[in-house]
Amino acid sequence: MKNELTKRELQVLSLIAKGYGSKKIASLLSISVRTIETHRKNIKLKFEFNNFYRVISYAYENKILPIDPT
């Protein structure tokens, strides 16, 4: 991973991992959908993966995201 994720990027990644879409995440975080899409793009660039399945898998495997027991 090139750079560490920001606090906001971690929030967005966590919500994506829980299955939320960009519109719902934007609503939950009170920011625009376009901002969410920018965060998604930056997260993929930092992880150097082309899709979020790999990003999420990597994040769990490397304890970047805690495993949610629910």
PDB file of N, CA and C in Angstrom:
ATOM      1  N   MET A   1       0.858  -1.174   0.000  1.00  0.00           N
ATOM      2  CA  MET A   1       0.000   0.000   0.000  1.00  0.00           C
ATOM      3  C   MET A   1       0.901   1.233   0.000  1.00  0.00           C
ATOM      4  N   LYS A   2       0.643   2.156  -0.908  1.00  0.00           N
ATOM      5  CA  LYS A   2       1.477   3.345  -1.073  1.00  0.00           C
ATOM      6  C   LYS A   2       1.448   4.256   0.147  1.00  0.00           C
ATOM      7  N   ASN A   3       0.267   4.666   0.545  1.00  0.00           N
ATOM      8  CA  ASN A   3       0.101   5.619   1.642  1.00  0.00           C
ATOM      9  C   ASN A   3      -0.938   5.099   2.620  1.00  0.00           C
ATOM     10  N   GLU A   4      -0.845   5.593   3.824  1.00  0.00           N
ATOM     11  CA  GLU A   4      -1.857   5.249   4.819  1.00  0.00           C
ATOM     12  C   GLU A   4      -3.188   5.883   4.440  1.00  0.00           C
ATOM     13  N   LEU A   5      -4.264   5.226   4.813  1.00  0.00           N
ATOM     14  CA  LEU A   5      -5.590   5.781   4.573  1.00  0.00           C
ATOM     15  C   LEU A   5      -5.884   6.871   5.594  1.00  0.00           C
ATOM     16  N   THR A   6      -6.627   7.879   5.161  1.00  0.00           N
ATOM     17  CA  THR A   6      -7.065   8.915   6.082  1.00  0.00           C
ATOM     18  C   THR A   6      -8.192   8.362   6.950  1.00  0.00           C
ATOM     19  N   LYS A   7      -8.514   9.089   7.999  1.00  0.00           N
ATOM     20  CA  LYS A   7      -9.614   8.669   8.872  1.00  0.00           C
ATOM     21  C   LYS A   7     -10.908   8.547   8.069  1.00  0.00           C
ATOM     22  N   ARG A   8     -11.182   9.501   7.188  1.00  0.00           N
ATOM     23  CA  ARG A   8     -12.399   9.476   6.375  1.00  0.00           C
ATOM     24  C   ARG A   8     -12.381   8.309   5.407  1.00  0.00           C
ATOM     25  N   GLU A   9     -11.233   8.034   4.799  1.00  0.00           N
ATOM     26  CA  GLU A   9     -11.138   6.895   3.891  1.00  0.00           C
ATOM     27  C   GLU A   9     -11.403   5.585   4.633  1.00  0.00           C
ATOM     28  N   LEU A  10     -10.917   5.483   5.856  1.00  0.00           N
ATOM     29  CA  LEU A  10     -11.207   4.289   6.666  1.00  0.00           C
ATOM     30  C   LEU A  10     -12.694   4.166   6.951  1.00  0.00           C
ATOM     31  N   GLN A  11     -13.355   5.295   7.232  1.00  0.00           N
ATOM     32  CA  GLN A  11     -14.806   5.269   7.460  1.00  0.00           C
ATOM     33  C   GLN A  11     -15.524   4.786   6.211  1.00  0.00           C
ATOM     34  N   VAL A  12     -15.143   5.350   5.069  1.00  0.00           N
ATOM     35  CA  VAL A  12     -15.778   4.978   3.804  1.00  0.00           C
ATOM     36  C   VAL A  12     -15.525   3.502   3.503  1.00  0.00           C
ATOM     37  N   LEU A  13     -14.294   3.053   3.662  1.00  0.00           N
ATOM     38  CA  LEU A  13     -13.960   1.653   3.401  1.00  0.00           C
ATOM     39  C   LEU A  13     -14.757   0.723   4.305  1.00  0.00           C
ATOM     40  N   SER A  14     -14.877   1.087   5.567  1.00  0.00           N
ATOM     41  CA  SER A  14     -15.647   0.269   6.504  1.00  0.00           C
ATOM     42  C   SER A  14     -17.108   0.151   6.073  1.00  0.00           C
ATOM     43  N   LEU A  15     -17.690   1.239   5.630  1.00  0.00           N
ATOM     44  CA  LEU A  15     -19.091   1.222   5.188  1.00  0.00           C
ATOM     45  C   LEU A  15     -19.262   0.456   3.876  1.00  0.00           C
ATOM     46  N   ILE A  16     -18.286   0.569   2.988  1.00  0.00           N
ATOM     47  CA  ILE A  16     -18.326  -0.214   1.749  1.00  0.00           C
ATOM     48  C   ILE A  16     -18.271  -1.709   2.093  1.00  0.00           C
ATOM     49  N   ALA A  17     -17.392  -2.065   3.022  1.00  0.00           N
ATOM     50  CA  ALA A  17     -17.252  -3.466   3.430  1.00  0.00           C
ATOM     51  C   ALA A  17     -18.536  -4.008   4.042  1.00  0.00           C
ATOM     52  N   LYS A  18     -19.330  -3.128   4.641  1.00  0.00           N
ATOM     53  CA  LYS A  18     -20.615  -3.533   5.220  1.00  0.00           C
ATOM     54  C   LYS A  18     -21.718  -3.601   4.170  1.00  0.00           C
ATOM     55  N   GLY A  19     -21.386  -3.242   2.929  1.00  0.00           N
ATOM     56  CA  GLY A  19     -22.343  -3.383   1.840  1.00  0.00           C
ATOM     57  C   GLY A  19     -23.100  -2.128   1.459  1.00  0.00           C
ATOM     58  N   TYR A  20     -22.743  -0.998   2.037  1.00  0.00           N
ATOM     59  CA  TYR A  20     -23.433   0.242   1.706  1.00  0.00           C
ATOM     60  C   TYR A  20     -22.946   0.796   0.372  1.00  0.00           C
ATOM     61  N   GLY A  21     -23.856   1.402  -0.377  1.00  0.00           N
ATOM     62  CA  GLY A  21     -23.514   2.057  -1.628  1.00  0.00           C
ATOM     63  C   GLY A  21     -23.121   3.500  -1.391  1.00  0.00           C
ATOM     64  N   SER A  22     -22.647   4.136  -2.440  1.00  0.00           N
ATOM     65  CA  SER A  22     -22.151   5.511  -2.334  1.00  0.00           C
ATOM     66  C   SER A  22     -23.208   6.493  -1.835  1.00  0.00           C
ATOM     67  N   LYS A  23     -24.435   6.357  -2.321  1.00  0.00           N
ATOM     68  CA  LYS A  23     -25.491   7.283  -1.888  1.00  0.00           C
ATOM     69  C   LYS A  23     -25.765   7.157  -0.395  1.00  0.00           C
ATOM     70  N   LYS A  24     -25.844   5.931   0.100  1.00  0.00           N
ATOM     71  CA  LYS A  24     -26.108   5.705   1.515  1.00  0.00           C
ATOM     72  C   LYS A  24     -24.946   6.200   2.369  1.00  0.00           C
ATOM     73  N   ILE A  25     -23.725   5.928   1.926  1.00  0.00           N
ATOM     74  CA  ILE A  25     -22.551   6.386   2.664  1.00  0.00           C
ATOM     75  C   ILE A  25     -22.527   7.915   2.721  1.00  0.00           C
ATOM     76  N   ALA A  26     -22.805   8.548   1.604  1.00  0.00           N
ATOM     77  CA  ALA A  26     -22.839  10.013   1.561  1.00  0.00           C
ATOM     78  C   ALA A  26     -23.857  10.551   2.551  1.00  0.00           C
ATOM     79  N   SER A  27     -25.012   9.920   2.595  1.00  0.00           N
ATOM     80  CA  SER A  27     -26.058  10.335   3.520  1.00  0.00           C
ATOM     81  C   SER A  27     -25.618  10.143   4.972  1.00  0.00           C
ATOM     82  N   LEU A  28     -25.037   8.995   5.279  1.00  0.00           N
ATOM     83  CA  LEU A  28     -24.593   8.702   6.649  1.00  0.00           C
ATOM     84  C   LEU A  28     -23.504   9.658   7.126  1.00  0.00           C
ATOM     85  N   LEU A  29     -22.610  10.041   6.207  1.00  0.00           N
ATOM     86  CA  LEU A  29     -21.482  10.898   6.576  1.00  0.00           C
ATOM     87  C   LEU A  29     -21.737  12.375   6.296  1.00  0.00           C
ATOM     88  N   SER A  30     -22.922  12.675   5.769  1.00  0.00           N
ATOM     89  CA  SER A  30     -23.309  14.057   5.450  1.00  0.00           C
ATOM     90  C   SER A  30     -22.314  14.742   4.507  1.00  0.00           C
ATOM     91  N   ILE A  31     -21.937  14.007   3.462  1.00  0.00           N
ATOM     92  CA  ILE A  31     -21.091  14.560   2.405  1.00  0.00           C
ATOM     93  C   ILE A  31     -21.673  14.157   1.061  1.00  0.00           C
ATOM     94  N   SER A  32     -21.147  14.715  -0.010  1.00  0.00           N
ATOM     95  CA  SER A  32     -21.724  14.465  -1.328  1.00  0.00           C
ATOM     96  C   SER A  32     -21.318  13.095  -1.881  1.00  0.00           C
ATOM     97  N   VAL A  33     -22.135  12.597  -2.790  1.00  0.00           N
ATOM     98  CA  VAL A  33     -21.838  11.327  -3.470  1.00  0.00           C
ATOM     99  C   VAL A  33     -20.531  11.461  -4.247  1.00  0.00           C
ATOM    100  N   ARG A  34     -20.321  12.613  -4.834  1.00  0.00           N
ATOM    101  CA  ARG A  34     -19.086  12.834  -5.590  1.00  0.00           C
ATOM    102  C   ARG A  34     -17.858  12.707  -4.682  1.00  0.00           C
ATOM    103  N   THR A  35     -17.959  13.206  -3.466  1.00  0.00           N
ATOM    104  CA  THR A  35     -16.859  13.076  -2.508  1.00  0.00           C
ATOM    105  C   THR A  35     -16.621  11.614  -2.169  1.00  0.00           C
ATOM    106  N   ILE A  36     -17.689  10.853  -2.007  1.00  0.00           N
ATOM    107  CA  ILE A  36     -17.550   9.413  -1.740  1.00  0.00           C
ATOM    108  C   ILE A  36     -16.842   8.734  -2.908  1.00  0.00           C
ATOM    109  N   GLU A  37     -17.240   9.076  -4.120  1.00  0.00           N
ATOM    110  CA  GLU A  37     -16.608   8.478  -5.298  1.00  0.00           C
ATOM    111  C   GLU A  37     -15.116   8.825  -5.353  1.00  0.00           C
ATOM    112  N   THR A  38     -14.765  10.033  -4.942  1.00  0.00           N
ATOM    113  CA  THR A  38     -13.350  10.421  -4.885  1.00  0.00           C
ATOM    114  C   THR A  38     -12.614   9.593  -3.841  1.00  0.00           C
ATOM    115  N   HIS A  39     -13.225   9.406  -2.683  1.00  0.00           N
ATOM    116  CA  HIS A  39     -12.610   8.565  -1.647  1.00  0.00           C
ATOM    117  C   HIS A  39     -12.433   7.137  -2.155  1.00  0.00           C
ATOM    118  N   ARG A  40     -13.448   6.599  -2.831  1.00  0.00           N
ATOM    119  CA  ARG A  40     -13.357   5.238  -3.377  1.00  0.00           C
ATOM    120  C   ARG A  40     -12.175   5.125  -4.341  1.00  0.00           C
ATOM    121  N   LYS A  41     -12.041   6.108  -5.214  1.00  0.00           N
ATOM    122  CA  LYS A  41     -10.953   6.123  -6.190  1.00  0.00           C
ATOM    123  C   LYS A  41      -9.598   6.175  -5.483  1.00  0.00           C
ATOM    124  N   ASN A  42      -9.477   7.060  -4.487  1.00  0.00           N
ATOM    125  CA  ASN A  42      -8.215   7.200  -3.767  1.00  0.00           C
ATOM    126  C   ASN A  42      -7.861   5.943  -2.980  1.00  0.00           C
ATOM    127  N   ILE A  43      -8.857   5.296  -2.403  1.00  0.00           N
ATOM    128  CA  ILE A  43      -8.614   4.046  -1.665  1.00  0.00           C
ATOM    129  C   ILE A  43      -8.060   2.987  -2.610  1.00  0.00           C
ATOM    130  N   LYS A  44      -8.684   2.828  -3.771  1.00  0.00           N
ATOM    131  CA  LYS A  44      -8.201   1.830  -4.740  1.00  0.00           C
ATOM    132  C   LYS A  44      -6.778   2.147  -5.189  1.00  0.00           C
ATOM    133  N   LEU A  45      -6.478   3.428  -5.396  1.00  0.00           N
ATOM    134  CA  LEU A  45      -5.125   3.816  -5.805  1.00  0.00           C
ATOM    135  C   LEU A  45      -4.113   3.507  -4.709  1.00  0.00           C
ATOM    136  N   LYS A  46      -4.467   3.783  -3.471  1.00  0.00           N
ATOM    137  CA  LYS A  46      -3.545   3.526  -2.366  1.00  0.00           C
ATOM    138  C   LYS A  46      -3.301   2.037  -2.176  1.00  0.00           C
ATOM    139  N   PHE A  47      -4.312   1.220  -2.381  1.00  0.00           N
ATOM    140  CA  PHE A  47      -4.163  -0.225  -2.245  1.00  0.00           C
ATOM    141  C   PHE A  47      -3.577  -0.860  -3.499  1.00  0.00           C
ATOM    142  N   GLU A  48      -3.583  -0.102  -4.589  1.00  0.00           N
ATOM    143  CA  GLU A  48      -3.079  -0.575  -5.878  1.00  0.00           C
ATOM    144  C   GLU A  48      -3.848  -1.778  -6.400  1.00  0.00           C
ATOM    145  N   PHE A  49      -5.174  -1.783  -6.153  1.00  0.00           N
ATOM    146  CA  PHE A  49      -6.063  -2.810  -6.680  1.00  0.00           C
ATOM    147  C   PHE A  49      -7.098  -2.143  -7.578  1.00  0.00           C
ATOM    148  N   ASN A  50      -7.638  -2.915  -8.517  1.00  0.00           N
ATOM    149  CA  ASN A  50      -8.620  -2.385  -9.455  1.00  0.00           C
ATOM    150  C   ASN A  50     -10.057  -2.548  -8.994  1.00  0.00           C
ATOM    151  N   ASN A  51     -10.288  -3.371  -7.980  1.00  0.00           N
ATOM    152  CA  ASN A  51     -11.663  -3.567  -7.534  1.00  0.00           C
ATOM    153  C   ASN A  51     -11.737  -3.653  -6.014  1.00  0.00           C
ATOM    154  N   PHE A  52     -12.932  -3.400  -5.509  1.00  0.00           N
ATOM    155  CA  PHE A  52     -13.110  -3.332  -4.072  1.00  0.00           C
ATOM    156  C   PHE A  52     -13.171  -4.695  -3.395  1.00  0.00           C
ATOM    157  N   TYR A  53     -13.442  -5.756  -4.119  1.00  0.00           N
ATOM    158  CA  TYR A  53     -13.389  -7.085  -3.503  1.00  0.00           C
ATOM    159  C   TYR A  53     -11.974  -7.347  -2.991  1.00  0.00           C
ATOM    160  N   ARG A  54     -10.996  -7.021  -3.805  1.00  0.00           N
ATOM    161  CA  ARG A  54      -9.598  -7.226  -3.408  1.00  0.00           C
ATOM    162  C   ARG A  54      -9.194  -6.264  -2.304  1.00  0.00           C
ATOM    163  N   VAL A  55      -9.653  -5.015  -2.387  1.00  0.00           N
ATOM    164  CA  VAL A  55      -9.344  -4.018  -1.357  1.00  0.00           C
ATOM    165  C   VAL A  55      -9.871  -4.487  -0.003  1.00  0.00           C
ATOM    166  N   ILE A  56     -11.130  -4.889   0.028  1.00  0.00           N
ATOM    167  CA  ILE A  56     -11.758  -5.305   1.282  1.00  0.00           C
ATOM    168  C   ILE A  56     -11.089  -6.558   1.829  1.00  0.00           C
ATOM    169  N   SER A  57     -10.827  -7.517   0.970  1.00  0.00           N
ATOM    170  CA  SER A  57     -10.151  -8.739   1.391  1.00  0.00           C
ATOM    171  C   SER A  57      -8.787  -8.422   1.994  1.00  0.00           C
ATOM    172  N   TYR A  58      -8.028  -7.587   1.318  1.00  0.00           N
ATOM    173  CA  TYR A  58      -6.708  -7.190   1.798  1.00  0.00           C
ATOM    174  C   TYR A  58      -6.813  -6.457   3.135  1.00  0.00           C
ATOM    175  N   ALA A  59      -7.796  -5.570   3.250  1.00  0.00           N
ATOM    176  CA  ALA A  59      -7.978  -4.789   4.481  1.00  0.00           C
ATOM    177  C   ALA A  59      -8.280  -5.687   5.668  1.00  0.00           C
ATOM    178  N   TYR A  60      -9.102  -6.715   5.474  1.00  0.00           N
ATOM    179  CA  TYR A  60      -9.388  -7.653   6.560  1.00  0.00           C
ATOM    180  C   TYR A  60      -8.171  -8.527   6.879  1.00  0.00           C
ATOM    181  N   GLU A  61      -7.531  -9.036   5.852  1.00  0.00           N
ATOM    182  CA  GLU A  61      -6.376  -9.919   6.047  1.00  0.00           C
ATOM    183  C   GLU A  61      -5.236  -9.219   6.775  1.00  0.00           C
ATOM    184  N   ASN A  62      -5.086  -7.924   6.540  1.00  0.00           N
ATOM    185  CA  ASN A  62      -3.986  -7.165   7.132  1.00  0.00           C
ATOM    186  C   ASN A  62      -4.416  -6.317   8.323  1.00  0.00           C
ATOM    187  N   LYS A  63      -5.607  -6.621   8.832  1.00  0.00           N
ATOM    188  CA  LYS A  63      -6.140  -5.980  10.035  1.00  0.00           C
ATOM    189  C   LYS A  63      -6.234  -4.459   9.932  1.00  0.00           C
ATOM    190  N   ILE A  64      -6.440  -3.976   8.708  1.00  0.00           N
ATOM    191  CA  ILE A  64      -6.709  -2.550   8.507  1.00  0.00           C
ATOM    192  C   ILE A  64      -8.145  -2.272   8.917  1.00  0.00           C
ATOM    193  N   LEU A  65      -9.008  -3.231   8.641  1.00  0.00           N
ATOM    194  CA  LEU A  65     -10.400  -3.185   9.100  1.00  0.00           C
ATOM    195  C   LEU A  65     -10.600  -4.309  10.103  1.00  0.00           C
ATOM    196  N   PRO A  66     -11.263  -4.020  11.217  1.00  0.00           N
ATOM    197  CA  PRO A  66     -11.548  -5.097  12.169  1.00  0.00           C
ATOM    198  C   PRO A  66     -12.646  -6.004  11.619  1.00  0.00           C
ATOM    199  N   ILE A  67     -12.581  -7.263  11.936  1.00  0.00           N
ATOM    200  CA  ILE A  67     -13.626  -8.194  11.517  1.00  0.00           C
ATOM    201  C   ILE A  67     -14.858  -7.914  12.362  1.00  0.00           C
ATOM    202  N   ASP A  68     -15.964  -7.622  11.683  1.00  0.00           N
ATOM    203  CA  ASP A  68     -17.227  -7.280  12.353  1.00  0.00           C
ATOM    204  C   ASP A  68     -17.974  -8.564  12.675  1.00  0.00           C
ATOM    205  N   PRO A  69     -18.237  -8.825  13.957  1.00  0.00           N
ATOM    206  CA  PRO A  69     -18.886 -10.089  14.335  1.00  0.00           C
ATOM    207  C   PRO A  69     -20.351 -10.178  13.952  1.00  0.00           C
ATOM    208  N   THR A  70     -20.944  -9.088  13.470  1.00  0.00           N
ATOM    209  CA  THR A  70     -22.384  -9.112  13.140  1.00  0.00           C
ATOM    210  C   THR A  70     -22.629  -9.569  11.733  1.00  0.00           C
TER     211      THR A  70
END
